[in-house]
Amino acid sequence: MGFSRAKLTALRPQKEKYLSTFIIALVTAAALFVPYIILGEGYFTFYGDFNVQQIPFYQQCHKAVREGNIFWSWTTDLGADFVGSYSFYLLGSPFFWLTIPFPNWMVPYLMGPLLILKFACAAFTSYCYIRRFTRTPGAARLGALLYAFSGFSVYNIFFNHFHEAIIVFPLLLL
């Protein structure tokens, strides 16, 4: 009784799909966001809190960090501790720190690309977790893409800081 070719193929270790999961999510997110970025002449605009709250917070923090004004913010409410006020929203985000090398006027233009990158990172980290429980890398990739583009993540684009939690959650489970 010999082994069939299908059985031997199934026993062979399968190539992991970390990079392809990241790239597929990156391309998919770009396909979703880039048309709106083009329509917005470089800006990703999303009505409501995103445009009137999130982007101005980003620019205000970005400017304060670049100028070294990180102790007290006179532009937050009637004055507030800068680190205490913005740790949750921006200062704890690695994506915020990616904007620091750029001038402040470019921050609104960076919001779309940052969201695209966040979706790809969510797919990557969820692949790392889901792969532990799947028989094939393809199944883990499908689960990771479903996680990254879930209703929660797509709906919560206007609170862009929620995406950091979506990215970190699978790592906490690991």
C-alpha atoms as a PDB file:
ATOM      1  CA  MET A   1       0.000   0.000   0.000  1.00  0.00           C
ATOM      2  CA  GLY A   2       1.763   3.111  -1.157  1.00  0.00           C
ATOM      3  CA  PHE A   3       1.150   6.729  -0.470  1.00  0.00           C
ATOM      4  CA  SER A   4      -0.704   8.700  -3.072  1.00  0.00           C
ATOM      5  CA  ARG A   5       0.719  11.921  -4.398  1.00  0.00           C
ATOM      6  CA  ALA A   6      -2.055  13.917  -2.649  1.00  0.00           C
ATOM      7  CA  LYS A   7      -1.212  12.365   0.717  1.00  0.00           C
ATOM      8  CA  LEU A   8       2.490  13.103   0.289  1.00  0.00           C
ATOM      9  CA  THR A   9       1.709  16.696  -0.668  1.00  0.00           C
ATOM     10  CA  ALA A  10      -0.493  17.064   2.415  1.00  0.00           C
ATOM     11  CA  LEU A  11       2.317  15.770   4.658  1.00  0.00           C
ATOM     12  CA  ARG A  12       4.893  18.141   3.228  1.00  0.00           C
ATOM     13  CA  PRO A  13       5.370  21.347   5.251  1.00  0.00           C
ATOM     14  CA  GLN A  14       3.521  24.191   3.588  1.00  0.00           C
ATOM     15  CA  LYS A  15       5.044  27.560   2.896  1.00  0.00           C
ATOM     16  CA  GLU A  16       3.762  30.226   5.266  1.00  0.00           C
ATOM     17  CA  LYS A  17       1.886  33.171   3.814  1.00  0.00           C
ATOM     18  CA  TYR A  18       2.812  36.049   6.140  1.00  0.00           C
ATOM     19  CA  LEU A  19       4.102  38.333   3.412  1.00  0.00           C
ATOM     20  CA  SER A  20       1.420  37.499   0.853  1.00  0.00           C
ATOM     21  CA  THR A  21      -1.298  38.108   3.475  1.00  0.00           C
ATOM     22  CA  PHE A  22       0.189  41.536   4.195  1.00  0.00           C
ATOM     23  CA  ILE A  23       0.485  42.374   0.480  1.00  0.00           C
ATOM     24  CA  ILE A  24      -3.038  41.190  -0.395  1.00  0.00           C
ATOM     25  CA  ALA A  25      -4.474  43.292   2.450  1.00  0.00           C
ATOM     26  CA  LEU A  26      -2.341  46.271   1.398  1.00  0.00           C
ATOM     27  CA  VAL A  27      -3.525  46.055  -2.220  1.00  0.00           C
ATOM     28  CA  THR A  28      -7.150  45.490  -1.153  1.00  0.00           C
ATOM     29  CA  ALA A  29      -7.101  48.463   1.219  1.00  0.00           C
ATOM     30  CA  ALA A  30      -5.433  50.585  -1.445  1.00  0.00           C
ATOM     31  CA  ALA A  31      -8.150  49.595  -3.925  1.00  0.00           C
ATOM     32  CA  LEU A  32     -10.742  50.774  -1.405  1.00  0.00           C
ATOM     33  CA  PHE A  33      -9.063  54.020  -0.341  1.00  0.00           C
ATOM     34  CA  VAL A  34      -7.132  55.304  -3.365  1.00  0.00           C
ATOM     35  CA  PRO A  35     -10.214  56.216  -5.455  1.00  0.00           C
ATOM     36  CA  TYR A  36     -11.455  58.405  -2.590  1.00  0.00           C
ATOM     37  CA  ILE A  37      -7.982  59.880  -2.097  1.00  0.00           C
ATOM     38  CA  ILE A  38      -7.907  60.773  -5.805  1.00  0.00           C
ATOM     39  CA  LEU A  39     -11.395  62.304  -5.594  1.00  0.00           C
ATOM     40  CA  GLY A  40     -10.246  64.291  -2.560  1.00  0.00           C
ATOM     41  CA  GLU A  41      -7.207  65.598  -4.461  1.00  0.00           C
ATOM     42  CA  GLY A  42      -4.790  63.784  -2.149  1.00  0.00           C
ATOM     43  CA  TYR A  43      -6.873  63.881   1.011  1.00  0.00           C
ATOM     44  CA  PHE A  44      -8.875  60.964   2.294  1.00  0.00           C
ATOM     45  CA  THR A  45     -12.032  62.664   3.470  1.00  0.00           C
ATOM     46  CA  PHE A  46     -14.593  60.898   5.571  1.00  0.00           C
ATOM     47  CA  TYR A  47     -17.340  63.055   6.975  1.00  0.00           C
ATOM     48  CA  GLY A  48     -18.035  63.548  10.656  1.00  0.00           C
ATOM     49  CA  ASP A  49     -15.503  63.186  13.428  1.00  0.00           C
ATOM     50  CA  PHE A  50     -12.735  62.076  11.096  1.00  0.00           C
ATOM     51  CA  ASN A  51     -12.409  65.414   9.294  1.00  0.00           C
ATOM     52  CA  VAL A  52     -13.367  67.769  12.118  1.00  0.00           C
ATOM     53  CA  GLN A  53     -11.723  65.976  15.032  1.00  0.00           C
ATOM     54  CA  GLN A  54      -9.222  63.260  14.091  1.00  0.00           C
ATOM     55  CA  ILE A  55      -7.233  65.144  11.450  1.00  0.00           C
ATOM     56  CA  PRO A  56      -6.981  68.372  13.509  1.00  0.00           C
ATOM     57  CA  PHE A  57      -5.858  66.308  16.559  1.00  0.00           C
ATOM     58  CA  TYR A  58      -3.228  64.652  14.416  1.00  0.00           C
ATOM     59  CA  GLN A  59      -1.967  67.989  13.110  1.00  0.00           C
ATOM     60  CA  GLN A  60      -1.994  69.611  16.542  1.00  0.00           C
ATOM     61  CA  CYS A  61      -0.039  66.744  18.109  1.00  0.00           C
ATOM     62  CA  HIS A  62       2.290  66.521  15.149  1.00  0.00           C
ATOM     63  CA  LYS A  63       3.109  70.207  15.404  1.00  0.00           C
ATOM     64  CA  ALA A  64       3.587  70.073  19.184  1.00  0.00           C
ATOM     65  CA  VAL A  65       5.964  67.114  19.009  1.00  0.00           C
ATOM     66  CA  ARG A  66       7.990  68.613  16.167  1.00  0.00           C
ATOM     67  CA  GLU A  67       8.289  71.905  18.078  1.00  0.00           C
ATOM     68  CA  GLY A  68       9.039  70.215  21.417  1.00  0.00           C
ATOM     69  CA  ASN A  69       5.876  71.531  23.126  1.00  0.00           C
ATOM     70  CA  ILE A  70       5.028  68.247  24.802  1.00  0.00           C
ATOM     71  CA  PHE A  71       4.378  69.280  28.392  1.00  0.00           C
ATOM     72  CA  TRP A  72       1.325  71.539  28.364  1.00  0.00           C
ATOM     73  CA  SER A  73      -1.155  72.238  25.604  1.00  0.00           C
ATOM     74  CA  TRP A  74      -2.940  75.569  25.672  1.00  0.00           C
ATOM     75  CA  THR A  75      -4.938  74.544  22.611  1.00  0.00           C
ATOM     76  CA  THR A  76      -6.596  71.555  24.287  1.00  0.00           C
ATOM     77  CA  ASP A  77      -9.772  72.570  26.128  1.00  0.00           C
ATOM     78  CA  LEU A  78      -8.775  75.403  28.489  1.00  0.00           C
ATOM     79  CA  GLY A  79      -5.281  74.011  28.747  1.00  0.00           C
ATOM     80  CA  ALA A  80      -4.282  70.444  29.549  1.00  0.00           C
ATOM     81  CA  ASP A  81      -1.382  68.097  30.079  1.00  0.00           C
ATOM     82  CA  PHE A  82      -0.246  67.204  26.567  1.00  0.00           C
ATOM     83  CA  VAL A  83       1.008  63.678  27.257  1.00  0.00           C
ATOM     84  CA  GLY A  84      -2.012  62.797  29.384  1.00  0.00           C
ATOM     85  CA  SER A  85      -4.429  64.153  26.806  1.00  0.00           C
ATOM     86  CA  TYR A  86      -2.928  62.537  23.718  1.00  0.00           C
ATOM     87  CA  SER A  87      -1.313  59.288  24.892  1.00  0.00           C
ATOM     88  CA  PHE A  88      -4.421  57.282  24.072  1.00  0.00           C
ATOM     89  CA  TYR A  89      -5.120  58.888  20.718  1.00  0.00           C
ATOM     90  CA  LEU A  90      -1.728  59.429  19.173  1.00  0.00           C
ATOM     91  CA  LEU A  91       1.420  59.347  21.271  1.00  0.00           C
ATOM     92  CA  GLY A  92       1.147  55.600  21.872  1.00  0.00           C
ATOM     93  CA  SER A  93       0.648  54.864  18.188  1.00  0.00           C
ATOM     94  CA  PRO A  94       3.639  53.813  16.083  1.00  0.00           C
ATOM     95  CA  PHE A  95       1.723  55.087  13.057  1.00  0.00           C
ATOM     96  CA  PHE A  96       1.651  58.613  14.471  1.00  0.00           C
ATOM     97  CA  TRP A  97       5.434  58.513  14.858  1.00  0.00           C
ATOM     98  CA  LEU A  98       5.768  57.588  11.180  1.00  0.00           C
ATOM     99  CA  THR A  99       4.382  61.054  10.357  1.00  0.00           C
ATOM    100  CA  ILE A 100       6.946  62.982  12.415  1.00  0.00           C
ATOM    101  CA  PRO A 101       9.593  63.234   9.660  1.00  0.00           C
ATOM    102  CA  PHE A 102       7.025  64.948   7.404  1.00  0.00           C
ATOM    103  CA  PRO A 103       6.052  68.633   7.616  1.00  0.00           C
ATOM    104  CA  ASN A 104       2.795  69.443   9.411  1.00  0.00           C
ATOM    105  CA  TRP A 105       0.964  70.512   6.248  1.00  0.00           C
ATOM    106  CA  MET A 106       1.378  66.961   4.887  1.00  0.00           C
ATOM    107  CA  VAL A 107      -0.403  65.239   7.792  1.00  0.00           C
ATOM    108  CA  PRO A 108      -3.872  65.292   6.155  1.00  0.00           C
ATOM    109  CA  TYR A 109      -2.335  63.741   3.043  1.00  0.00           C
ATOM    110  CA  LEU A 110      -0.836  60.930   5.142  1.00  0.00           C
ATOM    111  CA  MET A 111      -4.107  59.825   6.747  1.00  0.00           C
ATOM    112  CA  GLY A 112      -5.216  57.660   3.803  1.00  0.00           C
ATOM    113  CA  PRO A 113      -1.883  55.859   3.387  1.00  0.00           C
ATOM    114  CA  LEU A 114      -1.730  55.282   7.158  1.00  0.00           C
ATOM    115  CA  LEU A 115      -5.166  53.659   7.110  1.00  0.00           C
ATOM    116  CA  ILE A 116      -4.102  51.436   4.216  1.00  0.00           C
ATOM    117  CA  LEU A 117      -1.024  50.387   6.186  1.00  0.00           C
ATOM    118  CA  LYS A 118      -3.132  49.735   9.302  1.00  0.00           C
ATOM    119  CA  PHE A 119      -5.417  47.330   7.428  1.00  0.00           C
ATOM    120  CA  ALA A 120      -2.377  45.438   6.105  1.00  0.00           C
ATOM    121  CA  CYS A 121      -0.829  45.257   9.576  1.00  0.00           C
ATOM    122  CA  ALA A 122      -4.105  43.971  11.029  1.00  0.00           C
ATOM    123  CA  ALA A 123      -4.120  41.174   8.447  1.00  0.00           C
ATOM    124  CA  PHE A 124      -0.497  40.343   9.224  1.00  0.00           C
ATOM    125  CA  THR A 125      -0.884  40.156  13.004  1.00  0.00           C
ATOM    126  CA  SER A 126      -4.136  38.220  12.786  1.00  0.00           C
ATOM    127  CA  TYR A 127      -2.473  35.749  10.397  1.00  0.00           C
ATOM    128  CA  CYS A 128       0.194  35.177  13.061  1.00  0.00           C
ATOM    129  CA  TYR A 129      -2.489  34.277  15.580  1.00  0.00           C
ATOM    130  CA  ILE A 130      -4.956  32.389  13.380  1.00  0.00           C
ATOM    131  CA  ARG A 131      -2.212  30.238  11.853  1.00  0.00           C
ATOM    132  CA  ARG A 132      -1.812  28.437  15.167  1.00  0.00           C
ATOM    133  CA  PHE A 133      -5.314  26.999  14.774  1.00  0.00           C
ATOM    134  CA  THR A 134      -5.569  26.186  11.074  1.00  0.00           C
ATOM    135  CA  ARG A 135      -4.410  23.208   9.082  1.00  0.00           C
ATOM    136  CA  THR A 136      -3.300  25.229   6.063  1.00  0.00           C
ATOM    137  CA  PRO A 137      -1.708  28.645   5.589  1.00  0.00           C
ATOM    138  CA  GLY A 138      -4.411  29.484   3.053  1.00  0.00           C
ATOM    139  CA  ALA A 139      -7.125  29.086   5.670  1.00  0.00           C
ATOM    140  CA  ALA A 140      -5.184  31.341   8.040  1.00  0.00           C
ATOM    141  CA  ARG A 141      -4.801  33.931   5.288  1.00  0.00           C
ATOM    142  CA  LEU A 142      -8.535  33.888   4.582  1.00  0.00           C
ATOM    143  CA  GLY A 143      -9.287  34.301   8.299  1.00  0.00           C
ATOM    144  CA  ALA A 144      -6.780  37.132   8.573  1.00  0.00           C
ATOM    145  CA  LEU A 145      -8.297  39.003   5.649  1.00  0.00           C
ATOM    146  CA  LEU A 146     -11.800  38.553   7.065  1.00  0.00           C
ATOM    147  CA  TYR A 147     -10.562  39.898  10.402  1.00  0.00           C
ATOM    148  CA  ALA A 148      -8.745  42.882   8.887  1.00  0.00           C
ATOM    149  CA  PHE A 149     -11.723  43.893   6.754  1.00  0.00           C
ATOM    150  CA  SER A 150     -14.392  43.073   9.320  1.00  0.00           C
ATOM    151  CA  GLY A 151     -17.398  45.326   9.797  1.00  0.00           C
ATOM    152  CA  PHE A 152     -15.875  46.748  12.974  1.00  0.00           C
ATOM    153  CA  SER A 153     -12.671  47.875  11.295  1.00  0.00           C
ATOM    154  CA  VAL A 154     -14.371  49.246   8.185  1.00  0.00           C
ATOM    155  CA  TYR A 155     -17.058  51.037  10.176  1.00  0.00           C
ATOM    156  CA  ASN A 156     -14.579  52.596  12.609  1.00  0.00           C
ATOM    157  CA  ILE A 157     -12.478  54.370  10.003  1.00  0.00           C
ATOM    158  CA  PHE A 158     -13.614  57.704  11.431  1.00  0.00           C
ATOM    159  CA  PHE A 159     -11.952  56.816  14.752  1.00  0.00           C
ATOM    160  CA  ASN A 160      -8.648  55.867  13.224  1.00  0.00           C
ATOM    161  CA  HIS A 161      -7.006  55.212  16.589  1.00  0.00           C
ATOM    162  CA  PHE A 162      -9.231  52.110  17.014  1.00  0.00           C
ATOM    163  CA  HIS A 163      -7.179  50.398  14.324  1.00  0.00           C
ATOM    164  CA  GLU A 164      -4.173  50.150  16.604  1.00  0.00           C
ATOM    165  CA  ALA A 165      -6.252  47.966  18.932  1.00  0.00           C
ATOM    166  CA  ILE A 166      -7.330  45.842  15.962  1.00  0.00           C
ATOM    167  CA  ILE A 167      -3.668  45.322  15.104  1.00  0.00           C
ATOM    168  CA  VAL A 168      -2.461  44.602  18.646  1.00  0.00           C
ATOM    169  CA  PHE A 169      -5.338  42.328  19.751  1.00  0.00           C
ATOM    170  CA  PRO A 170      -4.074  39.193  17.902  1.00  0.00           C
ATOM    171  CA  LEU A 171      -0.610  39.793  19.374  1.00  0.00           C
ATOM    172  CA  LEU A 172      -2.093  39.876  22.884  1.00  0.00           C
ATOM    173  CA  LEU A 173      -3.753  36.523  22.183  1.00  0.00           C
ATOM    174  CA  LEU A 174      -0.439  35.048  21.076  1.00  0.00           C
END
